[in-house]
Amino acid sequence: MAAKSKTTGRTAMPCSFENSRIFWGFAMIGLVNTILPAIVHAANYLIIPYPRHAVILIELVPALLTKLSLPFVVRRIPCRARPLVVAVCWFIAKRVADDTPPNVRPPVRIATTVLASVASAATEVSCLGMIGRAGAPALTGWGFGTGAGLLENAVWPFLLMYGAGRVLRSATGYMYHLIAVLLVSHFIVLPQSLTKRGKTNGERGKGREDASAEEGRSFLGRDEGTSRSNSPKGISRKFRTLRGMVRSDMFPLFAASASLALLQYGLARPLDGSAFDTFSHFYTTYGVSMHLGTWLGRSSVWLLPVRNLRPHLVALGVWIVVAFFNAVFLVSTYIALFLVFLVGFVAGSLYVNVLARVKEERKDQVDRELGLGLVTAGDAGGAIVGGVLGAFLETAMCGSLVSGKRWCHRSR
């Protein structure tokens, strides 16, 4: 026992340092990966030629398709090559965004927007696969970083336009710095054993065999023999497993992101604007309230782990209904800010706890990486549905609820 204690004591410090590197590495990658697509989307000004719901579809459908397809093939791409490919995509997106002002034909800007969405989704799928091998600090860091990125996205447009007096397109000048942070985090901050799949030179041959064996055991990988995998029974089993994951894991993420998108795009402009000077000031405060809650929720997986997600889903439904009636009857703008904070906190907690549950319940490494990549498709799908419904809801409310206090009538 004494020898075991000494061994534990000797390894505590290196493990703590490595966990810190893992936490901050994934936190910085998550932060950068959340801000970069927002900069490209803002620089393209797609809201000028297209209505809001069309812009939401252009920005988010590529991410959904990437999250549904990439997890099946991402293991074939070396971990250390992935950030380089993504960095090239971001360089191309920045250059094209700089060279295509709003008077350029929309298809060029649409292509840049699609490229940014695919690059961001690919980074998320890749990182979540690595998180499946890295442990709890990686998931905590990812939640912390992505939540901080959403909070930053709520603030930087206002600071850039009204604080610095610059246009949104000028934000692309910061993309080189963010890409550098992305690469440094992956190649320097994160332990090399993680980015190399944790195998030494002497173990790589055996590791390939182990990976092949794991793929053979995977519920979506190859079963024991191709014929068995392609048999009607094997395909049926895979379909049942996918359907179970949609019900138990994808749906909570869908509900969380749909709630956030509905509040962001549907219930902001119909609110009372008399307490703020400009809509930009109000909308920034509204977004900060929402994503401050999201950041705290995504950072709470160690302090407030959640096993039963049903109370969270019920709370989301209740608070969305209360927020809707608050917007209809103009009860209080401050109540609306508090409600979006609560919804953001619960949505953030759902996001990170669903990922933690997938990570814990899937013992096979290939299954775990595949499940973590696929489950976030629910997040993208919810953002699409909630955003499109929110855009139509805002139009309906502003057209039918006539009041000079509402932003949709004051800001025209």
Protein backbone atom coordinates (compact mmCIF):
# COMPACT_ATOMS: atom_id res chain seq x y z
CA MET A 1 0.00 0.00 0.00
CA ALA A 2 2.82 2.38 0.88
CA ALA A 3 4.53 1.78 -2.44
CA LYS A 4 1.28 2.46 -4.27
CA SER A 5 0.81 5.74 -2.40
CA LYS A 6 4.33 6.86 -3.27
CA THR A 7 3.72 6.06 -6.91
CA THR A 8 0.49 8.05 -6.85
CA GLY A 9 2.25 10.98 -5.24
CA ARG A 10 5.01 10.96 -7.82
CA THR A 11 2.61 10.94 -10.75
CA ALA A 12 0.16 13.51 -9.36
CA MET A 13 2.13 16.55 -10.51
CA PRO A 14 2.74 15.43 -14.12
CA CYS A 15 -0.86 14.29 -14.46
CA SER A 16 -2.07 17.63 -13.12
CA PHE A 17 0.14 19.52 -15.59
CA GLU A 18 -1.00 17.34 -18.48
CA ASN A 19 -4.65 17.80 -17.50
CA SER A 20 -4.10 21.56 -17.47
CA ARG A 21 -2.63 21.41 -20.98
CA ILE A 22 -5.58 19.34 -22.15
CA PHE A 23 -8.09 21.74 -20.58
CA TRP A 24 -6.58 24.91 -22.01
CA GLY A 25 -5.80 23.33 -25.36
CA PHE A 26 -9.39 22.32 -26.00
CA ALA A 27 -10.68 25.56 -24.43
CA MET A 28 -8.69 27.69 -26.87
CA ILE A 29 -9.62 25.52 -29.85
CA GLY A 30 -13.30 25.72 -28.88
CA LEU A 31 -13.09 29.49 -28.43
CA VAL A 32 -11.43 30.06 -31.81
CA ASN A 33 -13.67 27.58 -33.62
CA THR A 34 -16.76 29.42 -32.37
CA ILE A 35 -15.56 32.92 -33.27
CA LEU A 36 -14.10 32.25 -36.73
CA PRO A 37 -17.36 31.26 -38.50
CA ALA A 38 -19.15 34.21 -36.90
CA ILE A 39 -16.56 36.59 -38.40
CA VAL A 40 -16.90 35.09 -41.89
CA HIS A 41 -20.71 35.05 -41.73
CA ALA A 42 -20.80 38.68 -40.59
CA ALA A 43 -18.34 39.75 -43.28
CA ASN A 44 -20.43 38.24 -46.08
CA TYR A 45 -23.52 40.38 -45.37
CA LEU A 46 -25.86 37.72 -46.76
CA ILE A 47 -28.75 39.38 -44.95
CA ILE A 48 -28.73 42.04 -47.71
CA PRO A 49 -29.83 39.86 -50.68
CA TYR A 50 -31.65 37.16 -48.67
CA PRO A 51 -34.22 37.06 -45.85
CA ARG A 52 -33.13 35.93 -42.42
CA HIS A 53 -34.49 32.38 -42.64
CA ALA A 54 -32.61 31.81 -45.92
CA VAL A 55 -29.38 33.07 -44.34
CA ILE A 56 -29.85 30.68 -41.41
CA LEU A 57 -30.23 27.76 -43.80
CA ILE A 58 -27.14 28.78 -45.80
CA GLU A 59 -25.05 29.06 -42.64
CA LEU A 60 -26.20 25.95 -40.77
CA VAL A 61 -27.24 23.26 -43.26
CA PRO A 62 -23.60 22.62 -44.35
CA ALA A 63 -22.66 22.15 -40.69
CA LEU A 64 -25.48 19.66 -40.19
CA LEU A 65 -24.48 17.62 -43.25
CA THR A 66 -20.84 17.63 -42.15
CA LYS A 67 -21.71 16.36 -38.67
CA LEU A 68 -23.85 13.59 -40.13
CA SER A 69 -21.20 12.34 -42.57
CA LEU A 70 -17.71 13.19 -41.33
CA PRO A 71 -17.72 11.00 -38.16
CA PHE A 72 -17.75 7.90 -40.38
CA VAL A 73 -14.49 8.80 -42.15
CA VAL A 74 -12.62 11.16 -39.83
CA ARG A 75 -10.55 8.35 -38.31
CA ARG A 76 -8.89 7.82 -41.67
CA ILE A 77 -7.41 11.34 -41.50
CA PRO A 78 -4.32 11.66 -39.23
CA CYS A 79 -4.99 13.83 -36.19
CA ARG A 80 -2.02 16.07 -36.86
CA ALA A 81 -3.10 16.72 -40.45
CA ARG A 82 -6.64 17.80 -39.59
CA PRO A 83 -5.85 21.28 -38.16
CA LEU A 84 -3.63 22.00 -41.15
CA VAL A 85 -6.46 21.23 -43.57
CA VAL A 86 -8.86 23.33 -41.50
CA ALA A 87 -6.35 26.20 -41.33
CA VAL A 88 -6.07 26.21 -45.13
CA CYS A 89 -9.87 26.41 -45.33
CA TRP A 90 -9.90 29.40 -42.98
CA PHE A 91 -7.16 31.14 -45.00
CA ILE A 92 -9.21 30.67 -48.16
CA ALA A 93 -12.39 31.89 -46.44
CA LYS A 94 -10.62 35.01 -45.15
CA ARG A 95 -9.07 35.85 -48.49
CA VAL A 96 -12.31 35.40 -50.41
CA ALA A 97 -14.30 37.35 -47.79
CA ASP A 98 -11.82 40.22 -48.04
CA ASP A 99 -12.04 40.27 -51.84
CA THR A 100 -15.85 39.99 -52.12
CA PRO A 101 -17.62 43.12 -50.83
CA PRO A 102 -21.43 43.20 -50.62
CA ASN A 103 -21.76 44.35 -54.23
CA VAL A 104 -20.23 41.08 -55.50
CA ARG A 105 -22.68 38.44 -56.70
CA PRO A 106 -24.12 36.39 -53.79
CA PRO A 107 -22.96 32.91 -54.98
CA VAL A 108 -19.34 33.79 -54.20
CA ARG A 109 -20.22 34.86 -50.66
CA ILE A 110 -22.45 31.82 -50.24
CA ALA A 111 -19.52 29.55 -51.11
CA THR A 112 -17.37 31.28 -48.48
CA THR A 113 -20.12 30.90 -45.88
CA VAL A 114 -20.48 27.20 -46.67
CA LEU A 115 -16.71 26.71 -46.42
CA ALA A 116 -16.65 28.40 -43.00
CA SER A 117 -19.53 26.27 -41.71
CA VAL A 118 -17.92 23.04 -42.93
CA ALA A 119 -14.52 23.97 -41.45
CA SER A 120 -16.04 24.76 -38.07
CA ALA A 121 -18.15 21.58 -38.00
CA ALA A 122 -15.16 19.47 -39.07
CA THR A 123 -13.07 20.91 -36.24
CA GLU A 124 -15.83 20.13 -33.76
CA VAL A 125 -16.16 16.53 -34.95
CA SER A 126 -12.38 16.04 -34.85
CA CYS A 127 -12.00 17.55 -31.37
CA LEU A 128 -14.88 15.57 -29.93
CA GLY A 129 -13.27 12.39 -31.24
CA MET A 130 -10.06 13.36 -29.43
CA ILE A 131 -12.06 14.23 -26.32
CA GLY A 132 -13.36 10.66 -26.33
CA ARG A 133 -9.76 9.55 -25.70
CA ALA A 134 -8.57 12.43 -23.50
CA GLY A 135 -10.75 12.30 -20.39
CA ALA A 136 -12.84 14.73 -18.34
CA PRO A 137 -10.52 17.80 -18.53
CA ALA A 138 -10.88 17.81 -22.32
CA LEU A 139 -14.67 17.94 -22.23
CA THR A 140 -14.63 20.60 -19.51
CA GLY A 141 -12.20 22.71 -21.53
CA TRP A 142 -14.25 22.30 -24.70
CA GLY A 143 -17.42 23.40 -22.93
CA PHE A 144 -15.62 26.35 -21.32
CA GLY A 145 -14.09 27.48 -24.62
CA THR A 146 -17.17 27.12 -26.83
CA GLY A 147 -19.33 28.88 -24.24
CA ALA A 148 -16.82 31.73 -24.02
CA GLY A 149 -16.82 31.92 -27.82
CA LEU A 150 -20.59 32.31 -27.94
CA LEU A 151 -20.36 35.04 -25.31
CA GLU A 152 -17.66 36.81 -27.31
CA ASN A 153 -19.78 36.59 -30.47
CA ALA A 154 -22.52 38.48 -28.65
CA VAL A 155 -20.13 41.33 -27.79
CA TRP A 156 -17.55 41.85 -30.54
CA PRO A 157 -19.87 43.21 -33.30
CA PHE A 158 -21.09 45.98 -30.98
CA LEU A 159 -17.58 46.83 -29.75
CA LEU A 160 -16.20 46.84 -33.28
CA MET A 161 -18.93 49.05 -34.76
CA TYR A 162 -19.75 51.41 -31.91
CA GLY A 163 -16.60 51.21 -29.81
CA ALA A 164 -13.97 51.25 -32.55
CA GLY A 165 -16.14 52.85 -35.25
CA ARG A 166 -15.33 50.19 -37.84
CA VAL A 167 -17.43 48.01 -40.12
CA LEU A 168 -18.09 44.33 -39.51
CA ARG A 169 -15.96 43.28 -42.48
CA SER A 170 -12.86 44.63 -40.74
CA ALA A 171 -13.08 41.75 -38.24
CA THR A 172 -11.50 39.47 -40.84
CA GLY A 173 -8.20 41.16 -40.01
CA TYR A 174 -8.14 39.23 -36.73
CA MET A 175 -8.57 35.84 -38.40
CA TYR A 176 -4.84 35.26 -38.86
CA HIS A 177 -4.32 35.62 -35.11
CA LEU A 178 -7.16 33.21 -34.36
CA ILE A 179 -5.84 30.65 -36.87
CA ALA A 180 -2.42 30.90 -35.19
CA VAL A 181 -4.03 30.23 -31.80
CA LEU A 182 -5.80 27.22 -33.29
CA LEU A 183 -2.55 25.72 -34.59
CA VAL A 184 -0.54 26.51 -31.45
CA SER A 185 -3.22 24.96 -29.27
CA HIS A 186 -3.23 21.77 -31.31
CA PHE A 187 0.50 21.30 -31.86
CA ILE A 188 2.02 22.85 -28.72
CA VAL A 189 -0.52 23.16 -25.92
CA LEU A 190 -2.18 19.76 -26.31
CA PRO A 191 0.04 16.78 -25.37
CA GLN A 192 1.57 15.15 -28.43
CA SER A 193 0.52 11.73 -27.18
CA LEU A 194 -3.08 12.83 -27.63
CA THR A 195 -2.70 14.27 -31.12
CA LYS A 196 -0.83 11.11 -32.15
CA ARG A 197 -3.62 8.89 -30.77
CA GLY A 198 -1.54 8.14 -27.68
CA LYS A 199 0.82 5.63 -29.33
CA THR A 200 4.60 5.48 -29.16
CA ASN A 201 6.70 4.47 -32.14
CA GLY A 202 7.00 0.92 -30.87
CA GLU A 203 3.28 0.60 -30.30
CA ARG A 204 1.98 1.94 -33.59
CA GLY A 205 2.00 -1.41 -35.34
CA LYS A 206 0.08 -3.00 -32.53
CA GLY A 207 -2.09 0.10 -32.29
CA ARG A 208 -3.22 -0.32 -35.87
CA GLU A 209 -4.25 -3.87 -35.10
CA ASP A 210 -6.09 -2.73 -31.97
CA ALA A 211 -7.83 0.00 -33.95
CA SER A 212 -8.90 -2.54 -36.54
CA ALA A 213 -10.22 -4.78 -33.79
CA GLU A 214 -12.11 -1.87 -32.25
CA GLU A 215 -13.59 -0.98 -35.62
CA GLY A 216 -14.71 -4.57 -35.90
CA ARG A 217 -16.55 -4.25 -32.62
CA SER A 218 -18.10 -0.87 -33.48
CA PHE A 219 -21.86 -0.77 -33.90
CA LEU A 220 -21.43 1.49 -36.93
CA GLY A 221 -18.05 0.24 -38.03
CA ARG A 222 -17.23 -3.11 -39.49
CA ASP A 223 -18.65 -6.10 -37.68
CA GLU A 224 -16.84 -9.42 -37.61
CA GLY A 225 -16.69 -9.79 -41.34
CA THR A 226 -18.11 -7.61 -44.05
CA SER A 227 -20.85 -10.04 -44.97
CA ARG A 228 -22.11 -10.08 -41.41
CA SER A 229 -22.08 -6.29 -41.27
CA ASN A 230 -24.03 -5.99 -44.51
CA SER A 231 -26.52 -8.65 -43.60
CA PRO A 232 -30.14 -7.59 -43.00
CA LYS A 233 -29.78 -8.38 -39.30
CA GLY A 234 -26.62 -6.25 -38.98
CA ILE A 235 -28.17 -3.31 -40.80
CA SER A 236 -31.29 -3.56 -38.66
CA ARG A 237 -29.21 -3.56 -35.49
CA LYS A 238 -27.32 -0.46 -36.62
CA PHE A 239 -30.57 1.31 -37.43
CA ARG A 240 -32.02 0.48 -33.99
CA THR A 241 -28.90 1.78 -32.29
CA LEU A 242 -28.95 5.00 -34.30
CA ARG A 243 -32.64 5.47 -33.56
CA GLY A 244 -31.95 5.01 -29.85
CA MET A 245 -29.19 7.61 -29.99
CA VAL A 246 -31.49 10.06 -31.76
CA ARG A 247 -34.07 9.64 -29.00
CA SER A 248 -31.81 9.68 -25.96
CA ASP A 249 -28.92 11.93 -26.99
CA MET A 250 -29.67 13.96 -30.12
CA PHE A 251 -33.10 15.14 -29.03
CA PRO A 252 -31.89 16.95 -25.86
CA LEU A 253 -29.27 18.79 -27.92
CA PHE A 254 -31.90 19.55 -30.55
CA ALA A 255 -34.24 21.01 -27.92
CA ALA A 256 -31.47 23.05 -26.29
CA SER A 257 -30.19 24.69 -29.47
CA ALA A 258 -33.71 25.17 -30.87
CA SER A 259 -34.70 27.04 -27.70
CA LEU A 260 -31.69 29.34 -27.92
CA ALA A 261 -32.24 30.03 -31.62
CA LEU A 262 -35.95 30.68 -31.12
CA LEU A 263 -35.22 33.26 -28.42
CA GLN A 264 -32.40 34.85 -30.40
CA TYR A 265 -34.19 35.21 -33.74
CA GLY A 266 -37.86 35.26 -32.72
CA LEU A 267 -38.42 37.10 -29.45
CA ALA A 268 -35.86 39.91 -29.36
CA ARG A 269 -37.23 42.50 -31.78
CA PRO A 270 -40.87 42.28 -30.53
CA LEU A 271 -39.77 43.27 -26.99
CA ASP A 272 -40.13 46.69 -25.39
CA GLY A 273 -37.19 48.89 -26.33
CA SER A 274 -37.88 51.94 -24.19
CA ALA A 275 -35.18 51.04 -21.62
CA PHE A 276 -32.34 51.21 -24.20
CA ASP A 277 -31.16 53.92 -26.57
CA THR A 278 -30.54 51.75 -29.63
CA PHE A 279 -31.48 48.27 -30.77
CA SER A 280 -27.79 47.36 -31.12
CA HIS A 281 -27.24 48.15 -27.44
CA PHE A 282 -30.31 46.16 -26.45
CA TYR A 283 -29.53 43.18 -28.70
CA THR A 284 -25.97 43.00 -27.36
CA THR A 285 -27.29 43.00 -23.79
CA TYR A 286 -29.83 40.36 -24.79
CA GLY A 287 -27.14 38.17 -26.35
CA VAL A 288 -24.77 38.62 -23.41
CA SER A 289 -27.51 37.56 -20.98
CA MET A 290 -28.25 34.47 -23.06
CA HIS A 291 -24.70 33.35 -23.66
CA LEU A 292 -23.44 34.20 -20.20
CA GLY A 293 -25.89 31.52 -19.11
CA THR A 294 -24.68 29.24 -21.91
CA TRP A 295 -21.06 29.70 -20.85
CA LEU A 296 -21.81 28.95 -17.21
CA GLY A 297 -23.91 25.93 -18.18
CA ARG A 298 -21.24 24.47 -20.45
CA SER A 299 -18.61 25.01 -17.76
CA SER A 300 -20.63 23.25 -15.04
CA VAL A 301 -20.10 19.60 -15.98
CA TRP A 302 -17.71 18.98 -13.07
CA LEU A 303 -19.61 21.02 -10.48
CA LEU A 304 -23.19 20.14 -11.48
CA PRO A 305 -23.23 16.81 -13.33
CA VAL A 306 -26.71 15.90 -14.55
CA ARG A 307 -27.94 12.33 -14.97
CA ASN A 308 -31.64 12.87 -15.58
CA LEU A 309 -32.16 15.32 -18.43
CA ARG A 310 -35.95 15.39 -18.28
CA PRO A 311 -36.23 18.24 -15.69
CA HIS A 312 -33.98 20.35 -17.90
CA LEU A 313 -36.17 19.74 -20.94
CA VAL A 314 -39.32 20.57 -18.97
CA ALA A 315 -37.72 23.77 -17.67
CA LEU A 316 -36.77 24.77 -21.22
CA GLY A 317 -40.34 24.32 -22.40
CA VAL A 318 -41.81 26.28 -19.50
CA TRP A 319 -39.39 29.19 -19.81
CA ILE A 320 -39.88 29.43 -23.58
CA VAL A 321 -43.65 29.70 -23.06
CA VAL A 322 -43.18 32.34 -20.34
CA ALA A 323 -40.79 34.29 -22.59
CA PHE A 324 -43.33 34.18 -25.42
CA PHE A 325 -46.15 35.59 -23.29
CA ASN A 326 -43.78 38.17 -21.82
CA ALA A 327 -43.03 39.35 -25.37
CA VAL A 328 -46.71 39.35 -26.37
CA PHE A 329 -47.93 41.35 -23.37
CA LEU A 330 -44.74 43.44 -22.89
CA VAL A 331 -44.55 42.60 -19.19
CA SER A 332 -40.89 43.51 -18.64
CA THR A 333 -37.70 43.67 -20.68
CA TYR A 334 -35.69 42.73 -17.60
CA ILE A 335 -37.76 39.60 -17.11
CA ALA A 336 -36.95 38.72 -20.72
CA LEU A 337 -33.23 39.14 -20.01
CA PHE A 338 -33.47 36.90 -16.96
CA LEU A 339 -35.41 34.27 -18.88
CA VAL A 340 -32.87 34.10 -21.70
CA PHE A 341 -30.13 33.71 -19.09
CA LEU A 342 -31.97 30.74 -17.56
CA VAL A 343 -32.59 29.17 -20.96
CA GLY A 344 -28.94 29.68 -21.89
CA PHE A 345 -27.75 28.05 -18.67
CA VAL A 346 -29.98 25.00 -19.07
CA ALA A 347 -29.14 24.67 -22.78
CA GLY A 348 -25.42 24.85 -22.02
CA SER A 349 -25.74 22.29 -19.26
CA LEU A 350 -27.66 19.95 -21.58
CA TYR A 351 -24.98 20.26 -24.27
CA VAL A 352 -22.04 19.29 -22.11
CA ASN A 353 -23.88 16.65 -20.04
CA VAL A 354 -25.15 14.86 -23.15
CA LEU A 355 -21.58 14.69 -24.44
CA ALA A 356 -20.40 13.43 -21.05
CA ARG A 357 -23.06 10.73 -21.06
CA VAL A 358 -22.14 9.55 -24.56
CA LYS A 359 -18.49 9.50 -23.54
CA GLU A 360 -19.15 7.47 -20.38
CA GLU A 361 -21.68 4.99 -21.74
CA ARG A 362 -19.77 3.93 -24.86
CA LYS A 363 -16.87 1.77 -23.73
CA ASP A 364 -15.57 0.95 -27.20
CA GLN A 365 -13.25 3.71 -28.40
CA VAL A 366 -14.50 3.72 -31.98
CA ASP A 367 -18.12 3.79 -30.84
CA ARG A 368 -17.33 6.63 -28.46
CA GLU A 369 -15.64 8.79 -31.09
CA LEU A 370 -18.37 8.08 -33.60
CA GLY A 371 -21.15 8.80 -31.12
CA LEU A 372 -19.60 12.08 -29.96
CA GLY A 373 -19.30 13.22 -33.57
CA LEU A 374 -22.79 12.23 -34.61
CA VAL A 375 -24.67 13.47 -31.57
CA THR A 376 -23.83 17.12 -32.25
CA ALA A 377 -25.91 16.90 -35.41
CA GLY A 378 -28.82 17.37 -33.03
CA ASP A 379 -27.32 20.69 -31.97
CA ALA A 380 -27.04 21.88 -35.59
CA GLY A 381 -30.52 20.59 -36.46
CA GLY A 382 -32.06 22.39 -33.50
CA ALA A 383 -30.36 25.64 -34.45
CA ILE A 384 -31.80 25.34 -37.97
CA VAL A 385 -35.36 24.59 -36.86
CA GLY A 386 -35.35 27.11 -34.02
CA GLY A 387 -33.77 29.81 -36.17
CA VAL A 388 -36.17 29.42 -39.09
CA LEU A 389 -39.21 29.26 -36.78
CA GLY A 390 -37.89 32.26 -34.89
CA ALA A 391 -37.50 34.29 -38.09
CA PHE A 392 -41.09 33.57 -39.10
CA LEU A 393 -42.34 34.16 -35.55
CA GLU A 394 -40.69 37.57 -35.42
CA THR A 395 -42.32 38.55 -38.71
CA ALA A 396 -45.73 37.37 -37.50
CA MET A 397 -45.49 39.08 -34.11
CA CYS A 398 -44.21 42.37 -35.50
CA GLY A 399 -46.96 42.35 -38.13
CA SER A 400 -49.84 41.57 -35.78
CA LEU A 401 -48.79 43.21 -32.48
CA VAL A 402 -48.93 46.95 -33.02
CA SER A 403 -47.20 48.94 -30.31
CA GLY A 404 -44.88 51.90 -30.57
CA LYS A 405 -42.76 50.49 -27.74
CA ARG A 406 -41.63 47.40 -29.66
CA TRP A 407 -38.25 47.43 -31.36
CA CYS A 408 -39.69 46.17 -34.63
CA HIS A 409 -41.69 49.41 -34.87
CA ARG A 410 -39.25 51.79 -33.19
CA SER A 411 -36.14 50.75 -35.15
CA ARG A 412 -37.62 51.19 -38.65
